[in-house]
C-alpha atoms as a PDB file:
ATOM      1  CA  MET A   1      38.800 179.959 -52.936  1.00  0.00           C
ATOM      2  CA  ARG A   2      40.741 176.661 -52.047  1.00  0.00           C
ATOM      3  CA  ASP A   3      39.177 173.189 -52.461  1.00  0.00           C
ATOM      4  CA  TYR A   4      40.858 171.549 -49.669  1.00  0.00           C
ATOM      5  CA  GLN A   5      41.198 167.497 -48.569  1.00  0.00           C
ATOM      6  CA  ALA A   6      42.659 167.098 -45.248  1.00  0.00           C
ATOM      7  CA  THR A   7      45.241 163.841 -45.755  1.00  0.00           C
ATOM      8  CA  LYS A   8      45.061 162.751 -41.915  1.00  0.00           C
ATOM      9  CA  ASN A   9      42.935 160.810 -40.444  1.00  0.00           C
ATOM     10  CA  ASN A  10      40.418 160.435 -42.931  1.00  0.00           C
ATOM     11  CA  PRO A  11      38.635 157.550 -44.242  1.00  0.00           C
ATOM     12  CA  TYR A  12      37.485 158.980 -47.295  1.00  0.00           C
ATOM     13  CA  LEU A  13      40.313 160.519 -48.759  1.00  0.00           C
ATOM     14  CA  LEU A  14      40.193 160.338 -52.583  1.00  0.00           C
ATOM     15  CA  PRO A  15      43.303 160.786 -55.214  1.00  0.00           C
ATOM     16  CA  ASP A  16      43.601 164.417 -55.747  1.00  0.00           C
ATOM     17  CA  THR A  17      43.020 163.588 -59.452  1.00  0.00           C
ATOM     18  CA  LEU A  18      39.701 162.044 -58.815  1.00  0.00           C
ATOM     19  CA  TYR A  19      38.628 164.729 -55.900  1.00  0.00           C
ATOM     20  CA  ARG A  20      38.700 167.600 -58.423  1.00  0.00           C
ATOM     21  CA  ARG A  21      37.124 165.310 -60.948  1.00  0.00           C
ATOM     22  CA  ILE A  22      34.329 164.959 -58.547  1.00  0.00           C
ATOM     23  CA  ILE A  23      34.217 168.668 -57.552  1.00  0.00           C
ATOM     24  CA  MET A  24      34.125 169.802 -60.802  1.00  0.00           C
ATOM     25  CA  LEU A  25      31.357 167.189 -61.624  1.00  0.00           C
ATOM     26  CA  VAL A  26      29.091 168.783 -59.107  1.00  0.00           C
ATOM     27  CA  ARG A  27      30.071 172.471 -60.140  1.00  0.00           C
ATOM     28  CA  ASP A  28      28.596 170.844 -63.605  1.00  0.00           C
ATOM     29  CA  TYR A  29      25.545 169.417 -62.197  1.00  0.00           C
ATOM     30  CA  GLU A  30      22.919 172.374 -63.447  1.00  0.00           C
ATOM     31  CA  ARG A  31      24.440 172.224 -66.884  1.00  0.00           C
ATOM     32  CA  LEU A  32      24.371 168.509 -66.805  1.00  0.00           C
ATOM     33  CA  LYS A  33      20.486 168.301 -65.997  1.00  0.00           C
ATOM     34  CA  GLU A  34      20.066 171.146 -68.423  1.00  0.00           C
ATOM     35  CA  GLN A  35      21.401 168.967 -71.340  1.00  0.00           C
ATOM     36  CA  TYR A  36      20.036 165.825 -70.063  1.00  0.00           C
ATOM     37  CA  HIS A  37      16.633 167.815 -71.201  1.00  0.00           C
ATOM     38  CA  ASP A  38      17.391 169.274 -73.678  1.00  0.00           C
ATOM     39  CA  ILE A  39      18.786 166.177 -75.820  1.00  0.00           C
ATOM     40  CA  LEU A  40      15.556 165.033 -76.908  1.00  0.00           C
ATOM     41  CA  TYR A  41      15.025 168.123 -78.552  1.00  0.00           C
ATOM     42  CA  GLU A  42      17.952 168.411 -80.876  1.00  0.00           C
ATOM     43  CA  SER A  43      18.072 168.258 -84.567  1.00  0.00           C
ATOM     44  CA  PRO A  44      20.312 166.066 -86.917  1.00  0.00           C
ATOM     45  CA  PRO A  45      23.273 168.263 -88.118  1.00  0.00           C
ATOM     46  CA  PRO A  46      22.026 169.717 -91.630  1.00  0.00           C
ATOM     47  CA  PRO A  47      23.357 167.644 -94.735  1.00  0.00           C
ATOM     48  CA  ASP A  48      26.316 168.733 -96.044  1.00  0.00           C
ATOM     49  CA  GLY A  49      25.412 169.001 -99.819  1.00  0.00           C
ATOM     50  CA  MET A  50      27.844 165.948-100.964  1.00  0.00           C
ATOM     51  CA  PRO A  51      26.382 162.834-102.101  1.00  0.00           C
ATOM     52  CA  ARG A  52      26.848 159.979 -99.606  1.00  0.00           C
ATOM     53  CA  GLY A  53      28.793 163.085 -97.579  1.00  0.00           C
ATOM     54  CA  MET A  54      27.228 162.267 -94.201  1.00  0.00           C
ATOM     55  CA  ARG A  55      28.001 159.409 -92.220  1.00  0.00           C
ATOM     56  CA  LYS A  56      24.889 157.240 -91.721  1.00  0.00           C
ATOM     57  CA  THR A  57      24.118 156.962 -87.936  1.00  0.00           C
ATOM     58  CA  ASP A  58      21.786 156.250 -85.799  1.00  0.00           C
ATOM     59  CA  GLN A  59      21.145 159.438 -83.992  1.00  0.00           C
ATOM     60  CA  VAL A  60      18.221 157.991 -81.327  1.00  0.00           C
ATOM     61  CA  GLU A  61      21.034 155.794 -80.114  1.00  0.00           C
ATOM     62  CA  ARG A  62      23.370 158.527 -80.340  1.00  0.00           C
ATOM     63  CA  LYS A  63      20.744 160.440 -78.356  1.00  0.00           C
ATOM     64  CA  ALA A  64      20.005 157.589 -75.528  1.00  0.00           C
ATOM     65  CA  LEU A  65      23.797 156.684 -74.850  1.00  0.00           C
ATOM     66  CA  ARG A  66      24.321 160.325 -74.223  1.00  0.00           C
ATOM     67  CA  ARG A  67      21.149 160.749 -72.465  1.00  0.00           C
ATOM     68  CA  ALA A  68      22.279 157.362 -70.400  1.00  0.00           C
ATOM     69  CA  VAL A  69      25.666 158.932 -69.491  1.00  0.00           C
ATOM     70  CA  ILE A  70      24.565 162.164 -68.511  1.00  0.00           C
ATOM     71  CA  SER A  71      21.949 160.374 -65.968  1.00  0.00           C
ATOM     72  CA  THR A  72      24.269 158.056 -64.500  1.00  0.00           C
ATOM     73  CA  GLU A  73      26.429 160.435 -63.284  1.00  0.00           C
ATOM     74  CA  LEU A  74      23.430 163.099 -62.155  1.00  0.00           C
ATOM     75  CA  GLN A  75      21.968 159.910 -60.233  1.00  0.00           C
ATOM     76  CA  ALA A  76      25.531 159.344 -58.774  1.00  0.00           C
ATOM     77  CA  VAL A  77      25.275 162.831 -56.916  1.00  0.00           C
ATOM     78  CA  GLU A  78      21.259 162.856 -55.927  1.00  0.00           C
ATOM     79  CA  GLN A  79      22.076 159.438 -54.192  1.00  0.00           C
ATOM     80  CA  ALA A  80      24.911 160.610 -52.453  1.00  0.00           C
ATOM     81  CA  LEU A  81      23.601 164.008 -51.442  1.00  0.00           C
ATOM     82  CA  VAL A  82      20.822 161.887 -50.002  1.00  0.00           C
ATOM     83  CA  VAL A  83      23.694 160.155 -47.295  1.00  0.00           C
ATOM     84  CA  VAL A  84      24.410 163.869 -46.006  1.00  0.00           C
ATOM     85  CA  PRO A  85      21.932 164.984 -43.377  1.00  0.00           C
ATOM     86  CA  ASP A  86      19.321 167.751 -44.367  1.00  0.00           C
ATOM     87  CA  GLU A  87      20.968 170.629 -41.796  1.00  0.00           C
ATOM     88  CA  TYR A  88      24.750 170.161 -43.715  1.00  0.00           C
ATOM     89  CA  ARG A  89      23.058 169.735 -47.344  1.00  0.00           C
ATOM     90  CA  ARG A  90      22.751 173.338 -48.538  1.00  0.00           C
ATOM     91  CA  GLY A  91      26.013 174.483 -47.122  1.00  0.00           C
ATOM     92  CA  ILE A  92      27.918 171.539 -48.469  1.00  0.00           C
ATOM     93  CA  TRP A  93      26.253 172.078 -51.822  1.00  0.00           C
ATOM     94  CA  GLU A  94      26.625 175.920 -51.521  1.00  0.00           C
ATOM     95  CA  ASN A  95      29.965 175.092 -50.822  1.00  0.00           C
ATOM     96  CA  ILE A  96      30.833 173.097 -53.479  1.00  0.00           C
ATOM     97  CA  ALA A  97      28.743 174.660 -56.539  1.00  0.00           C
ATOM     98  CA  TYR A  98      29.346 177.931 -55.694  1.00  0.00           C
ATOM     99  CA  GLU A  99      32.153 178.286 -53.570  1.00  0.00           C
ATOM    100  CA  ILE A 100      30.378 180.383 -50.756  1.00  0.00           C
ATOM    101  CA  ARG A 101      31.032 180.244 -47.095  1.00  0.00           C
ATOM    102  CA  TYR A 102      29.790 177.492 -45.214  1.00  0.00           C
ATOM    103  CA  PRO A 103      27.018 178.659 -42.590  1.00  0.00           C
ATOM    104  CA  ASP A 104      28.138 179.805 -39.024  1.00  0.00           C
ATOM    105  CA  PHE A 105      25.622 177.725 -36.837  1.00  0.00           C
ATOM    106  CA  THR A 106      27.866 174.508 -36.807  1.00  0.00           C
ATOM    107  CA  GLY A 107      31.679 174.003 -36.998  1.00  0.00           C
ATOM    108  CA  VAL A 108      33.331 174.366 -40.240  1.00  0.00           C
ATOM    109  CA  ARG A 109      34.935 170.674 -39.242  1.00  0.00           C
ATOM    110  CA  THR A 110      31.747 168.801 -39.360  1.00  0.00           C
ATOM    111  CA  TYR A 111      30.867 170.440 -42.415  1.00  0.00           C
ATOM    112  CA  GLN A 112      34.187 169.257 -44.017  1.00  0.00           C
ATOM    113  CA  ARG A 113      33.845 166.449 -42.618  1.00  0.00           C
ATOM    114  CA  TRP A 114      30.382 165.590 -44.367  1.00  0.00           C
ATOM    115  CA  LYS A 115      31.905 167.398 -47.568  1.00  0.00           C
ATOM    116  CA  GLN A 116      34.205 164.574 -48.023  1.00  0.00           C
ATOM    117  CA  ARG A 117      31.674 161.662 -46.925  1.00  0.00           C
ATOM    118  CA  PHE A 118      29.555 163.383 -50.143  1.00  0.00           C
ATOM    119  CA  LEU A 119      32.020 163.375 -52.637  1.00  0.00           C
ATOM    120  CA  TYR A 120      33.471 160.266 -51.613  1.00  0.00           C
ATOM    121  CA  CYS A 121      29.669 158.825 -51.764  1.00  0.00           C
ATOM    122  CA  ILE A 122      29.932 160.424 -55.765  1.00  0.00           C
ATOM    123  CA  ALA A 123      33.016 158.346 -56.585  1.00  0.00           C
ATOM    124  CA  TYR A 124      31.591 155.071 -54.936  1.00  0.00           C
ATOM    125  CA  ASN A 125      28.741 155.626 -57.057  1.00  0.00           C
ATOM    126  CA  LEU A 126      30.165 155.981 -60.538  1.00  0.00           C
ATOM    127  CA  ASN A 127      32.651 153.007 -59.298  1.00  0.00           C
ATOM    128  CA  LEU A 128      35.629 154.809 -59.519  1.00  0.00           C
ATOM    129  CA  ILE A 129      36.921 153.737 -56.671  1.00  0.00           C
END
């Protein structure tokens, strides 16, 4: 399925590369959510056996920074999803994340408009536009 962004009369038009980046962020949402929770339970790498061979880094600080970056992306997606009306959320989410067709009970153009607004809000929440 081709990811299409309307270019005429679109107040939520994103640059092509940013549009694709936001699409991939939504598709990667589930993995990011798992990674966000799994970071807490990671163990440090094993020593390499060389004296003074391991770089001394603060593992807690590193984990906190990774969680902060992932948290920012997850929150941006979740906050943008709240902008979309309830009746369109599931259809838009499934279309972006799983490439499933929109439901038939509403016009495709309506879904496309809300999809574009949703993606624009994610980019705005991440301060990319």
